[in-house]
Amino acid sequence: MKNITDSFLCLGYWPSAGSFGFNTDILATNLINLSVVLGVLVFFGKGVLSDLLDNRKQRILKTIRNSEELREKAIEQLEKAQTRLRKVETEADRFRVNGYSEIEREKLNLINSIYTTLEQLENYKNETINFEQQRAINQVRQRVFQQALQGALGTLNSCLNNELHLRTISANIGMFGEMKDIK
């Protein structure tokens, strides 16, 4: 039998030309197989890997561009929103100032209106009091006049007899006739 090391390729040892066989040394054969596989992969897989990497690169660039566009749109929207916010705040301040001044004006108008109404009510009250006083005075005058008239009639009735009464009536009728002639 031949020596095994004579018929196989080993690291550091070159067998004689013409012999071919299986190398059972795992370490030596794995390195050779790996280098062959890697060489084949690099040679044939270079294009596929290059295409995959290019596609990935294009997708990443496209995503970055889309992100940039979205960022720019977001910045524009933010600027518009900030501008609208400033406008709204300005409007709110204006409304607040106008509202406060309007409230103050309305308050003063209401106070003036209340004072005017109170003055009118005071005048109506005074007029009502004066009217009621005049009415009471007139009622007292009428009662006094009625009592005086009743007293005078009572005195006349007690003092007059039929004869004096007829003479008084005749005298009054005579005066009435003279007044008729004058006209």
C-alpha atoms as a PDB file:
ATOM      1  CA  MET A   1       0.000   0.000   0.000  1.00  0.00           C
ATOM      2  CA  LYS A   2       1.072   3.317  -0.725  1.00  0.00           C
ATOM      3  CA  ASN A   3       1.531   5.903   1.828  1.00  0.00           C
ATOM      4  CA  ILE A   4      -1.585   8.112   2.082  1.00  0.00           C
ATOM      5  CA  THR A   5       0.419  11.241   2.216  1.00  0.00           C
ATOM      6  CA  ASP A   6       2.076  10.364  -1.057  1.00  0.00           C
ATOM      7  CA  SER A   7      -1.106  10.289  -3.070  1.00  0.00           C
ATOM      8  CA  PHE A   8      -2.931  13.422  -1.664  1.00  0.00           C
ATOM      9  CA  LEU A   9      -2.372  17.094  -1.925  1.00  0.00           C
ATOM     10  CA  CYS A  10      -1.422  18.533   1.417  1.00  0.00           C
ATOM     11  CA  LEU A  11      -0.426  21.908   2.512  1.00  0.00           C
ATOM     12  CA  GLY A  12       3.243  22.295   2.429  1.00  0.00           C
ATOM     13  CA  TYR A  13       3.680  19.083   0.523  1.00  0.00           C
ATOM     14  CA  TRP A  14       3.379  18.714  -3.225  1.00  0.00           C
ATOM     15  CA  PRO A  15       2.759  15.214  -4.398  1.00  0.00           C
ATOM     16  CA  SER A  16       4.202  13.888  -7.556  1.00  0.00           C
ATOM     17  CA  ALA A  17       2.539  14.829 -10.792  1.00  0.00           C
ATOM     18  CA  GLY A  18       0.285  12.220 -12.172  1.00  0.00           C
ATOM     19  CA  SER A  19      -1.398  11.071  -9.055  1.00  0.00           C
ATOM     20  CA  PHE A  20      -4.940  12.066  -8.291  1.00  0.00           C
ATOM     21  CA  GLY A  21      -7.112  11.156  -5.305  1.00  0.00           C
ATOM     22  CA  PHE A  22      -9.278  12.282  -2.458  1.00  0.00           C
ATOM     23  CA  ASN A  23      -7.867  14.400   0.228  1.00  0.00           C
ATOM     24  CA  THR A  24      -9.314  13.489   3.568  1.00  0.00           C
ATOM     25  CA  ASP A  25      -7.635  16.330   5.388  1.00  0.00           C
ATOM     26  CA  ILE A  26     -10.648  18.481   6.231  1.00  0.00           C
ATOM     27  CA  LEU A  27      -8.760  21.617   7.063  1.00  0.00           C
ATOM     28  CA  ALA A  28      -6.870  21.691   3.780  1.00  0.00           C
ATOM     29  CA  THR A  29      -9.822  20.817   1.626  1.00  0.00           C
ATOM     30  CA  ASN A  30     -12.190  23.318   3.291  1.00  0.00           C
ATOM     31  CA  LEU A  31      -9.874  26.195   2.598  1.00  0.00           C
ATOM     32  CA  ILE A  32      -9.541  25.200  -1.025  1.00  0.00           C
ATOM     33  CA  ASN A  33     -13.294  24.624  -1.415  1.00  0.00           C
ATOM     34  CA  LEU A  34     -14.094  27.897   0.285  1.00  0.00           C
ATOM     35  CA  SER A  35     -11.692  29.815  -1.913  1.00  0.00           C
ATOM     36  CA  VAL A  36     -13.149  28.165  -5.038  1.00  0.00           C
ATOM     37  CA  VAL A  37     -16.744  28.838  -3.926  1.00  0.00           C
ATOM     38  CA  LEU A  38     -15.908  32.408  -3.012  1.00  0.00           C
ATOM     39  CA  GLY A  39     -14.171  32.918  -6.318  1.00  0.00           C
ATOM     40  CA  VAL A  40     -17.167  31.546  -8.224  1.00  0.00           C
ATOM     41  CA  LEU A  41     -19.539  33.627  -6.111  1.00  0.00           C
ATOM     42  CA  VAL A  42     -17.525  36.752  -6.640  1.00  0.00           C
ATOM     43  CA  PHE A  43     -17.208  36.099 -10.363  1.00  0.00           C
ATOM     44  CA  PHE A  44     -20.854  35.195 -11.026  1.00  0.00           C
ATOM     45  CA  GLY A  45     -22.504  36.920  -8.092  1.00  0.00           C
ATOM     46  CA  LYS A  46     -20.783  40.216  -8.665  1.00  0.00           C
ATOM     47  CA  GLY A  47     -23.430  41.361 -11.174  1.00  0.00           C
ATOM     48  CA  VAL A  48     -26.359  40.103  -9.082  1.00  0.00           C
ATOM     49  CA  LEU A  49     -24.941  41.598  -5.913  1.00  0.00           C
ATOM     50  CA  SER A  50     -24.167  44.818  -7.748  1.00  0.00           C
ATOM     51  CA  ASP A  51     -27.760  44.947  -9.057  1.00  0.00           C
ATOM     52  CA  LEU A  52     -29.166  44.246  -5.598  1.00  0.00           C
ATOM     53  CA  LEU A  53     -27.001  46.917  -4.057  1.00  0.00           C
ATOM     54  CA  ASP A  54     -27.895  49.402  -6.816  1.00  0.00           C
ATOM     55  CA  ASN A  55     -31.612  48.688  -6.325  1.00  0.00           C
ATOM     56  CA  ARG A  56     -31.248  49.092  -2.582  1.00  0.00           C
ATOM     57  CA  LYS A  57     -29.285  52.302  -3.105  1.00  0.00           C
ATOM     58  CA  GLN A  58     -31.987  53.657  -5.463  1.00  0.00           C
ATOM     59  CA  ARG A  59     -34.744  52.768  -2.959  1.00  0.00           C
ATOM     60  CA  ILE A  60     -32.812  54.456  -0.148  1.00  0.00           C
ATOM     61  CA  LEU A  61     -32.208  57.566  -2.301  1.00  0.00           C
ATOM     62  CA  LYS A  62     -35.853  57.615  -3.336  1.00  0.00           C
ATOM     63  CA  THR A  63     -36.925  57.295   0.306  1.00  0.00           C
ATOM     64  CA  ILE A  64     -34.544  60.111   1.260  1.00  0.00           C
ATOM     65  CA  ARG A  65     -35.926  62.323  -1.561  1.00  0.00           C
ATOM     66  CA  ASN A  66     -39.485  61.537  -0.500  1.00  0.00           C
ATOM     67  CA  SER A  67     -38.568  62.278   3.090  1.00  0.00           C
ATOM     68  CA  GLU A  68     -36.983  65.569   2.052  1.00  0.00           C
ATOM     69  CA  GLU A  69     -40.071  66.516   0.028  1.00  0.00           C
ATOM     70  CA  LEU A  70     -42.337  65.615   2.938  1.00  0.00           C
ATOM     71  CA  ARG A  71     -40.065  67.562   5.267  1.00  0.00           C
ATOM     72  CA  GLU A  72     -40.221  70.609   2.981  1.00  0.00           C
ATOM     73  CA  LYS A  73     -44.013  70.313   2.737  1.00  0.00           C
ATOM     74  CA  ALA A  74     -44.222  69.970   6.507  1.00  0.00           C
ATOM     75  CA  ILE A  75     -42.015  73.051   6.928  1.00  0.00           C
ATOM     76  CA  GLU A  76     -44.233  74.997   4.493  1.00  0.00           C
ATOM     77  CA  GLN A  77     -47.352  73.876   6.327  1.00  0.00           C
ATOM     78  CA  LEU A  78     -45.745  74.790   9.642  1.00  0.00           C
ATOM     79  CA  GLU A  79     -44.855  78.247   8.323  1.00  0.00           C
ATOM     80  CA  LYS A  80     -48.392  78.704   6.987  1.00  0.00           C
ATOM     81  CA  ALA A  81     -49.828  77.535  10.291  1.00  0.00           C
ATOM     82  CA  GLN A  82     -47.541  79.905  12.194  1.00  0.00           C
ATOM     83  CA  THR A  83     -48.591  82.759   9.896  1.00  0.00           C
ATOM     84  CA  ARG A  84     -52.263  81.900  10.421  1.00  0.00           C
ATOM     85  CA  LEU A  85     -51.638  81.640  14.165  1.00  0.00           C
ATOM     86  CA  ARG A  86     -50.060  85.104  14.207  1.00  0.00           C
ATOM     87  CA  LYS A  87     -53.015  86.478  12.227  1.00  0.00           C
ATOM     88  CA  VAL A  88     -55.502  84.808  14.545  1.00  0.00           C
ATOM     89  CA  GLU A  89     -53.635  86.060  17.615  1.00  0.00           C
ATOM     90  CA  THR A  90     -53.629  89.577  16.144  1.00  0.00           C
ATOM     91  CA  GLU A  91     -57.353  89.285  15.396  1.00  0.00           C
ATOM     92  CA  ALA A  92     -57.975  87.930  18.888  1.00  0.00           C
ATOM     93  CA  ASP A  93     -56.042  90.808  20.440  1.00  0.00           C
ATOM     94  CA  ARG A  94     -57.960  93.287  18.296  1.00  0.00           C
ATOM     95  CA  PHE A  95     -61.278  91.677  19.205  1.00  0.00           C
ATOM     96  CA  ARG A  96     -60.249  91.568  22.839  1.00  0.00           C
ATOM     97  CA  VAL A  97     -59.317  95.275  22.844  1.00  0.00           C
ATOM     98  CA  ASN A  98     -62.394  96.203  20.804  1.00  0.00           C
ATOM     99  CA  GLY A  99     -64.510  93.925  22.956  1.00  0.00           C
ATOM    100  CA  TYR A 100     -63.270  95.533  26.155  1.00  0.00           C
ATOM    101  CA  SER A 101     -63.795  99.021  24.792  1.00  0.00           C
ATOM    102  CA  GLU A 102     -67.216  97.998  23.433  1.00  0.00           C
ATOM    103  CA  ILE A 103     -68.106  96.524  26.807  1.00  0.00           C
ATOM    104  CA  GLU A 104     -66.994  99.742  28.514  1.00  0.00           C
ATOM    105  CA  ARG A 105     -69.050 101.803  26.051  1.00  0.00           C
ATOM    106  CA  GLU A 106     -72.085  99.611  26.561  1.00  0.00           C
ATOM    107  CA  LYS A 107     -71.581  99.780  30.310  1.00  0.00           C
ATOM    108  CA  LEU A 108     -71.444 103.590  30.225  1.00  0.00           C
ATOM    109  CA  ASN A 109     -74.478 103.704  27.912  1.00  0.00           C
ATOM    110  CA  LEU A 110     -76.370 101.409  30.257  1.00  0.00           C
ATOM    111  CA  ILE A 111     -75.419 103.493  33.290  1.00  0.00           C
ATOM    112  CA  ASN A 112     -76.462 106.691  31.507  1.00  0.00           C
ATOM    113  CA  SER A 113     -79.708 105.054  30.412  1.00  0.00           C
ATOM    114  CA  ILE A 114     -80.402 103.929  33.974  1.00  0.00           C
ATOM    115  CA  TYR A 115     -79.718 107.449  35.298  1.00  0.00           C
ATOM    116  CA  THR A 116     -82.028 108.894  32.659  1.00  0.00           C
ATOM    117  CA  THR A 117     -84.715 106.356  33.531  1.00  0.00           C
ATOM    118  CA  LEU A 118     -84.274 107.103  37.227  1.00  0.00           C
ATOM    119  CA  GLU A 119     -84.613 110.851  36.563  1.00  0.00           C
ATOM    120  CA  GLN A 120     -87.766 110.224  34.521  1.00  0.00           C
ATOM    121  CA  LEU A 121     -89.175 108.040  37.281  1.00  0.00           C
ATOM    122  CA  GLU A 122     -88.326 110.737  39.841  1.00  0.00           C
ATOM    123  CA  ASN A 123     -90.101 113.326  37.654  1.00  0.00           C
ATOM    124  CA  TYR A 124     -93.135 111.054  37.258  1.00  0.00           C
ATOM    125  CA  LYS A 125     -93.148 110.468  40.997  1.00  0.00           C
ATOM    126  CA  ASN A 126     -93.020 114.220  41.683  1.00  0.00           C
ATOM    127  CA  GLU A 127     -95.758 114.885  39.109  1.00  0.00           C
ATOM    128  CA  THR A 128     -97.888 112.134  40.653  1.00  0.00           C
ATOM    129  CA  ILE A 129     -97.332 113.562  44.127  1.00  0.00           C
ATOM    130  CA  ASN A 130     -98.241 117.081  42.911  1.00  0.00           C
ATOM    131  CA  PHE A 131    -101.326 115.731  41.115  1.00  0.00           C
ATOM    132  CA  GLU A 132    -102.446 113.810  44.193  1.00  0.00           C
ATOM    133  CA  GLN A 133    -101.866 116.897  46.387  1.00  0.00           C
ATOM    134  CA  GLN A 134    -103.956 119.063  44.029  1.00  0.00           C
ATOM    135  CA  ARG A 135    -106.662 116.426  43.944  1.00  0.00           C
ATOM    136  CA  ALA A 136    -106.673 116.177  47.732  1.00  0.00           C
ATOM    137  CA  ILE A 137    -106.789 120.001  48.013  1.00  0.00           C
ATOM    138  CA  ASN A 138    -109.686 120.134  45.523  1.00  0.00           C
ATOM    139  CA  GLN A 139    -111.534 117.411  47.426  1.00  0.00           C
ATOM    140  CA  VAL A 140    -111.023 119.323  50.680  1.00  0.00           C
ATOM    141  CA  ARG A 141    -112.222 122.547  48.994  1.00  0.00           C
ATOM    142  CA  GLN A 142    -115.316 120.812  47.674  1.00  0.00           C
ATOM    143  CA  ARG A 143    -116.107 119.365  51.093  1.00  0.00           C
ATOM    144  CA  VAL A 144    -115.518 122.734  52.756  1.00  0.00           C
ATOM    145  CA  PHE A 145    -117.673 124.437  50.111  1.00  0.00           C
ATOM    146  CA  GLN A 146    -120.391 121.792  50.491  1.00  0.00           C
ATOM    147  CA  GLN A 147    -120.302 122.108  54.271  1.00  0.00           C
ATOM    148  CA  ALA A 148    -120.362 125.916  54.035  1.00  0.00           C
ATOM    149  CA  LEU A 149    -123.236 125.738  51.542  1.00  0.00           C
ATOM    150  CA  GLN A 150    -125.131 123.312  53.736  1.00  0.00           C
ATOM    151  CA  GLY A 151    -124.458 125.518  56.727  1.00  0.00           C
ATOM    152  CA  ALA A 152    -125.656 128.616  54.815  1.00  0.00           C
ATOM    153  CA  LEU A 153    -128.713 126.767  53.546  1.00  0.00           C
ATOM    154  CA  GLY A 154    -129.429 125.561  57.047  1.00  0.00           C
ATOM    155  CA  THR A 155    -129.102 129.100  58.376  1.00  0.00           C
ATOM    156  CA  LEU A 156    -131.230 130.509  55.595  1.00  0.00           C
ATOM    157  CA  ASN A 157    -133.853 127.831  56.018  1.00  0.00           C
ATOM    158  CA  SER A 158    -133.998 128.422  59.733  1.00  0.00           C
ATOM    159  CA  CYS A 159    -134.130 132.234  59.299  1.00  0.00           C
ATOM    160  CA  LEU A 160    -136.442 132.451  56.333  1.00  0.00           C
ATOM    161  CA  ASN A 161    -140.055 132.014  56.572  1.00  0.00           C
ATOM    162  CA  ASN A 162    -142.480 131.726  53.662  1.00  0.00           C
ATOM    163  CA  GLU A 163    -143.028 135.426  53.225  1.00  0.00           C
ATOM    164  CA  LEU A 164    -139.324 136.291  53.236  1.00  0.00           C
ATOM    165  CA  HIS A 165    -138.710 133.429  50.907  1.00  0.00           C
ATOM    166  CA  LEU A 166    -141.267 134.661  48.356  1.00  0.00           C
ATOM    167  CA  ARG A 167    -139.881 138.215  48.481  1.00  0.00           C
ATOM    168  CA  THR A 168    -136.340 136.912  47.828  1.00  0.00           C
ATOM    169  CA  ILE A 169    -137.540 134.904  44.869  1.00  0.00           C
ATOM    170  CA  SER A 170    -139.425 137.871  43.437  1.00  0.00           C
ATOM    171  CA  ALA A 171    -136.367 140.099  43.816  1.00  0.00           C
ATOM    172  CA  ASN A 172    -134.192 137.582  42.046  1.00  0.00           C
ATOM    173  CA  ILE A 173    -136.673 137.229  39.229  1.00  0.00           C
ATOM    174  CA  GLY A 174    -136.759 140.974  38.890  1.00  0.00           C
ATOM    175  CA  MET A 175    -132.984 141.130  38.655  1.00  0.00           C
ATOM    176  CA  PHE A 176    -133.094 138.443  36.048  1.00  0.00           C
ATOM    177  CA  GLY A 177    -135.545 140.406  33.960  1.00  0.00           C
ATOM    178  CA  GLU A 178    -133.429 143.557  34.120  1.00  0.00           C
ATOM    179  CA  MET A 179    -130.402 141.607  32.930  1.00  0.00           C
ATOM    180  CA  LYS A 180    -132.407 140.339  30.037  1.00  0.00           C
ATOM    181  CA  ASP A 181    -133.326 143.885  29.009  1.00  0.00           C
ATOM    182  CA  ILE A 182    -129.700 145.009  29.151  1.00  0.00           C
ATOM    183  CA  LYS A 183    -128.590 142.436  26.672  1.00  0.00           C
END
